[in-house]
């Protein structure tokens, strides 16, 4: 992924958080050639937070685990609100 694409995703995440009054504690970036180790670490960190939000660029980020909609439902059943950054218009 090009640096400009990564920066756009970071801005989309920040914009999504700001639109909802959420402070971003960390951004986990996945390496495309790895098995989502960063996403697992991110979910573990979110499970330990007082208020649990997970902002992803799109549900496709869950595709390596199973059906993305099922993964989202599972996370929500654990008290993690999953937000999609692309749902918020960026500048």
N, C-alpha and C. Protein backbone atom coordinates (compact mmCIF):
# COMPACT_ATOMS: atom_id res chain seq x y z
N UNK A 1 0.85 -1.17 0.00
CA UNK A 1 0.00 0.00 0.00
C UNK A 1 0.89 1.23 0.00
N UNK A 2 0.56 2.18 -0.81
CA UNK A 2 1.32 3.43 -0.91
C UNK A 2 1.15 4.27 0.35
N UNK A 3 2.15 5.08 0.64
CA UNK A 3 2.10 5.94 1.83
C UNK A 3 0.89 6.87 1.80
N UNK A 4 0.53 7.37 0.62
CA UNK A 4 -0.63 8.26 0.51
C UNK A 4 -1.93 7.53 0.86
N UNK A 5 -2.02 6.25 0.49
CA UNK A 5 -3.21 5.46 0.82
C UNK A 5 -3.30 5.23 2.33
N UNK A 6 -2.17 4.94 2.95
CA UNK A 6 -2.14 4.73 4.39
C UNK A 6 -2.55 6.02 5.11
N UNK A 7 -2.03 7.14 4.65
CA UNK A 7 -2.38 8.43 5.26
C UNK A 7 -3.87 8.73 5.10
N UNK A 8 -4.44 8.41 3.95
CA UNK A 8 -5.88 8.61 3.74
C UNK A 8 -6.69 7.77 4.73
N UNK A 9 -6.30 6.51 4.92
CA UNK A 9 -7.00 5.65 5.88
C UNK A 9 -6.88 6.19 7.30
N UNK A 10 -5.70 6.69 7.65
CA UNK A 10 -5.51 7.29 8.99
C UNK A 10 -6.43 8.50 9.16
N UNK A 11 -6.53 9.34 8.12
CA UNK A 11 -7.42 10.51 8.20
C UNK A 11 -8.88 10.09 8.31
N UNK A 12 -9.26 9.05 7.59
CA UNK A 12 -10.64 8.57 7.66
C UNK A 12 -10.96 8.06 9.07
N UNK A 13 -10.03 7.35 9.67
CA UNK A 13 -10.23 6.85 11.04
C UNK A 13 -10.35 8.02 12.01
N UNK A 14 -9.45 8.99 11.88
CA UNK A 14 -9.50 10.16 12.76
C UNK A 14 -10.79 10.94 12.57
N UNK A 15 -11.23 11.09 11.35
CA UNK A 15 -12.47 11.81 11.06
C UNK A 15 -13.68 11.08 11.63
N UNK A 16 -13.70 9.77 11.49
CA UNK A 16 -14.79 8.96 12.04
C UNK A 16 -14.85 9.11 13.56
N UNK A 17 -13.69 9.05 14.20
CA UNK A 17 -13.64 9.20 15.66
C UNK A 17 -14.09 10.59 16.08
N UNK A 18 -13.58 11.61 15.41
CA UNK A 18 -13.93 12.99 15.76
C UNK A 18 -15.42 13.25 15.60
N UNK A 19 -16.02 12.69 14.56
CA UNK A 19 -17.45 12.88 14.31
C UNK A 19 -18.30 12.30 15.44
N UNK A 20 -17.74 11.35 16.18
CA UNK A 20 -18.47 10.71 17.27
C UNK A 20 -17.95 11.09 18.65
N UNK A 21 -17.00 12.01 18.68
CA UNK A 21 -16.45 12.46 19.96
C UNK A 21 -15.59 11.41 20.64
N UNK A 22 -14.95 10.56 19.85
CA UNK A 22 -14.12 9.48 20.38
C UNK A 22 -12.65 9.87 20.24
N UNK A 23 -11.88 9.62 21.28
CA UNK A 23 -10.43 9.87 21.23
C UNK A 23 -9.74 8.59 20.73
N UNK A 24 -8.89 8.74 19.74
CA UNK A 24 -8.15 7.59 19.21
C UNK A 24 -6.93 7.35 20.10
N UNK A 25 -6.87 6.17 20.70
CA UNK A 25 -5.75 5.80 21.56
C UNK A 25 -4.60 5.21 20.74
N UNK A 26 -4.93 4.47 19.71
CA UNK A 26 -3.90 3.81 18.91
C UNK A 26 -4.47 3.45 17.55
N UNK A 27 -3.60 3.40 16.57
CA UNK A 27 -3.95 2.92 15.24
C UNK A 27 -3.03 1.74 14.95
N UNK A 28 -3.64 0.62 14.66
CA UNK A 28 -2.89 -0.59 14.32
C UNK A 28 -2.92 -0.74 12.81
N UNK A 29 -1.75 -0.88 12.22
CA UNK A 29 -1.66 -1.05 10.77
C UNK A 29 -1.26 -2.49 10.48
N UNK A 30 -2.04 -3.11 9.61
CA UNK A 30 -1.77 -4.48 9.23
C UNK A 30 -0.77 -4.54 8.08
N UNK A 31 0.12 -5.51 8.13
CA UNK A 31 0.96 -5.82 6.99
C UNK A 31 0.17 -6.80 6.14
N UNK A 32 0.07 -6.51 4.86
CA UNK A 32 -0.77 -7.35 4.00
C UNK A 32 -0.26 -8.78 3.87
N UNK A 33 1.03 -9.00 4.10
CA UNK A 33 1.58 -10.34 3.96
C UNK A 33 1.57 -11.13 5.28
N UNK A 34 0.93 -10.60 6.31
CA UNK A 34 0.88 -11.29 7.60
C UNK A 34 -0.54 -11.77 7.88
N UNK A 35 -0.69 -12.58 8.89
CA UNK A 35 -1.97 -13.16 9.23
C UNK A 35 -2.70 -12.34 10.30
N UNK A 36 -2.89 -11.08 10.05
CA UNK A 36 -3.68 -10.19 10.90
C UNK A 36 -3.25 -10.17 12.37
N UNK A 37 -1.96 -10.32 12.62
CA UNK A 37 -1.44 -10.28 13.98
C UNK A 37 -1.77 -8.93 14.62
N UNK A 38 -1.66 -7.86 13.84
CA UNK A 38 -1.95 -6.54 14.37
C UNK A 38 -3.42 -6.39 14.73
N UNK A 39 -4.31 -6.96 13.92
CA UNK A 39 -5.74 -6.86 14.22
C UNK A 39 -6.09 -7.61 15.50
N UNK A 40 -5.49 -8.76 15.70
CA UNK A 40 -5.72 -9.51 16.94
C UNK A 40 -5.23 -8.71 18.14
N UNK A 41 -4.05 -8.09 18.02
CA UNK A 41 -3.52 -7.26 19.11
C UNK A 41 -4.44 -6.08 19.38
N UNK A 42 -4.97 -5.50 18.32
CA UNK A 42 -5.89 -4.37 18.46
C UNK A 42 -7.16 -4.79 19.19
N UNK A 43 -7.73 -5.91 18.80
CA UNK A 43 -8.96 -6.40 19.45
C UNK A 43 -8.70 -6.70 20.91
N UNK A 44 -7.57 -7.29 21.22
CA UNK A 44 -7.21 -7.56 22.62
C UNK A 44 -7.16 -6.25 23.42
N UNK A 45 -6.54 -5.21 22.84
CA UNK A 45 -6.45 -3.92 23.53
C UNK A 45 -7.83 -3.30 23.72
N UNK A 46 -8.68 -3.42 22.72
CA UNK A 46 -10.03 -2.84 22.79
C UNK A 46 -10.85 -3.56 23.88
N UNK A 47 -10.68 -4.86 24.01
CA UNK A 47 -11.42 -5.61 25.03
C UNK A 47 -11.07 -5.15 26.44
N UNK A 48 -9.88 -4.60 26.63
CA UNK A 48 -9.45 -4.13 27.94
C UNK A 48 -9.86 -2.69 28.23
N UNK A 49 -10.36 -1.98 27.24
CA UNK A 49 -10.70 -0.56 27.40
C UNK A 49 -12.02 -0.39 28.14
N UNK A 50 -12.19 0.79 28.76
CA UNK A 50 -13.44 1.10 29.46
C UNK A 50 -14.61 1.20 28.48
N UNK A 51 -14.41 1.95 27.42
CA UNK A 51 -15.43 2.08 26.37
C UNK A 51 -14.80 1.52 25.12
N UNK A 52 -15.41 0.53 24.54
CA UNK A 52 -14.79 -0.23 23.47
C UNK A 52 -15.32 0.15 22.10
N UNK A 53 -14.47 0.82 21.34
CA UNK A 53 -14.76 1.14 19.95
C UNK A 53 -13.63 0.60 19.10
N UNK A 54 -13.98 0.06 17.95
CA UNK A 54 -13.00 -0.38 16.98
C UNK A 54 -13.39 0.25 15.65
N UNK A 55 -12.52 1.08 15.13
CA UNK A 55 -12.78 1.74 13.85
C UNK A 55 -11.91 1.07 12.81
N UNK A 56 -12.54 0.53 11.79
CA UNK A 56 -11.81 -0.12 10.70
C UNK A 56 -12.13 0.62 9.40
N UNK A 57 -11.19 0.61 8.45
CA UNK A 57 -11.46 1.28 7.18
C UNK A 57 -12.67 0.69 6.45
N UNK A 58 -12.82 -0.62 6.51
CA UNK A 58 -13.98 -1.29 5.92
C UNK A 58 -14.11 -2.67 6.58
N UNK A 59 -15.26 -3.30 6.39
CA UNK A 59 -15.45 -4.63 6.96
C UNK A 59 -14.54 -5.66 6.30
N UNK A 60 -13.97 -5.34 5.15
CA UNK A 60 -13.05 -6.26 4.49
C UNK A 60 -11.84 -6.58 5.35
N UNK A 61 -11.55 -5.74 6.33
CA UNK A 61 -10.43 -6.01 7.24
C UNK A 61 -10.68 -7.25 8.11
N UNK A 62 -11.91 -7.71 8.17
CA UNK A 62 -12.24 -8.91 8.92
C UNK A 62 -12.28 -10.16 8.04
N UNK A 63 -12.10 -10.02 6.75
CA UNK A 63 -12.27 -11.13 5.81
C UNK A 63 -11.34 -12.30 6.09
N UNK A 64 -10.16 -12.05 6.64
CA UNK A 64 -9.22 -13.13 6.93
C UNK A 64 -9.65 -14.01 8.09
N UNK A 65 -10.64 -13.59 8.84
CA UNK A 65 -11.09 -14.35 10.00
C UNK A 65 -12.31 -15.21 9.69
N UNK A 66 -13.18 -14.73 8.84
CA UNK A 66 -14.43 -15.42 8.56
C UNK A 66 -15.29 -14.45 7.76
N UNK A 67 -16.58 -14.69 7.78
CA UNK A 67 -17.51 -13.75 7.17
C UNK A 67 -17.42 -12.44 7.94
N UNK A 68 -17.07 -11.33 7.26
CA UNK A 68 -16.90 -10.05 7.97
C UNK A 68 -18.12 -9.62 8.79
N UNK A 69 -19.32 -9.90 8.32
CA UNK A 69 -20.51 -9.53 9.08
C UNK A 69 -20.63 -10.35 10.36
N UNK A 70 -20.25 -11.63 10.30
CA UNK A 70 -20.27 -12.47 11.49
C UNK A 70 -19.22 -12.01 12.50
N UNK A 71 -18.05 -11.63 12.01
CA UNK A 71 -16.99 -11.14 12.90
C UNK A 71 -17.47 -9.87 13.59
N UNK A 72 -18.10 -8.98 12.83
CA UNK A 72 -18.62 -7.74 13.43
C UNK A 72 -19.66 -8.05 14.51
N UNK A 73 -20.57 -8.97 14.21
CA UNK A 73 -21.60 -9.35 15.21
C UNK A 73 -20.96 -9.94 16.45
N UNK A 74 -19.93 -10.77 16.27
CA UNK A 74 -19.24 -11.37 17.41
C UNK A 74 -18.59 -10.30 18.27
N UNK A 75 -17.92 -9.35 17.64
CA UNK A 75 -17.29 -8.26 18.40
C UNK A 75 -18.33 -7.43 19.14
N UNK A 76 -19.44 -7.16 18.48
CA UNK A 76 -20.50 -6.38 19.12
C UNK A 76 -21.10 -7.15 20.29
N UNK A 77 -21.18 -8.47 20.19
CA UNK A 77 -21.71 -9.25 21.31
C UNK A 77 -20.77 -9.22 22.51
N UNK A 78 -19.50 -8.87 22.27
CA UNK A 78 -18.51 -8.74 23.36
C UNK A 78 -18.43 -7.30 23.89
N UNK A 79 -19.32 -6.45 23.39
CA UNK A 79 -19.36 -5.07 23.87
C UNK A 79 -18.48 -4.11 23.09
N UNK A 80 -17.97 -4.53 21.94
CA UNK A 80 -17.14 -3.66 21.11
C UNK A 80 -18.00 -3.07 20.01
N UNK A 81 -18.10 -1.75 19.99
CA UNK A 81 -18.83 -1.09 18.91
C UNK A 81 -17.89 -0.96 17.72
N UNK A 82 -18.27 -1.56 16.60
CA UNK A 82 -17.44 -1.54 15.39
C UNK A 82 -17.95 -0.42 14.49
N UNK A 83 -17.06 0.52 14.19
CA UNK A 83 -17.37 1.64 13.32
C UNK A 83 -16.58 1.51 12.02
N UNK A 84 -17.20 1.91 10.92
CA UNK A 84 -16.55 1.84 9.61
C UNK A 84 -16.13 3.25 9.22
N UNK A 85 -14.81 3.45 9.10
CA UNK A 85 -14.27 4.78 8.82
C UNK A 85 -14.78 5.34 7.51
N UNK A 86 -14.99 4.52 6.52
CA UNK A 86 -15.43 5.00 5.21
C UNK A 86 -16.86 5.52 5.23
N UNK A 87 -17.59 5.26 6.32
CA UNK A 87 -18.95 5.78 6.45
C UNK A 87 -18.96 7.28 6.74
N UNK A 88 -17.83 7.83 7.12
CA UNK A 88 -17.70 9.25 7.41
C UNK A 88 -17.00 9.90 6.25
N UNK A 89 -17.58 10.91 5.70
CA UNK A 89 -16.95 11.59 4.56
C UNK A 89 -15.69 12.29 5.01
N UNK A 90 -14.63 12.11 4.22
CA UNK A 90 -13.36 12.78 4.53
C UNK A 90 -13.24 14.03 3.68
N UNK A 91 -12.30 14.87 4.08
CA UNK A 91 -12.11 16.14 3.39
C UNK A 91 -11.55 15.94 2.02
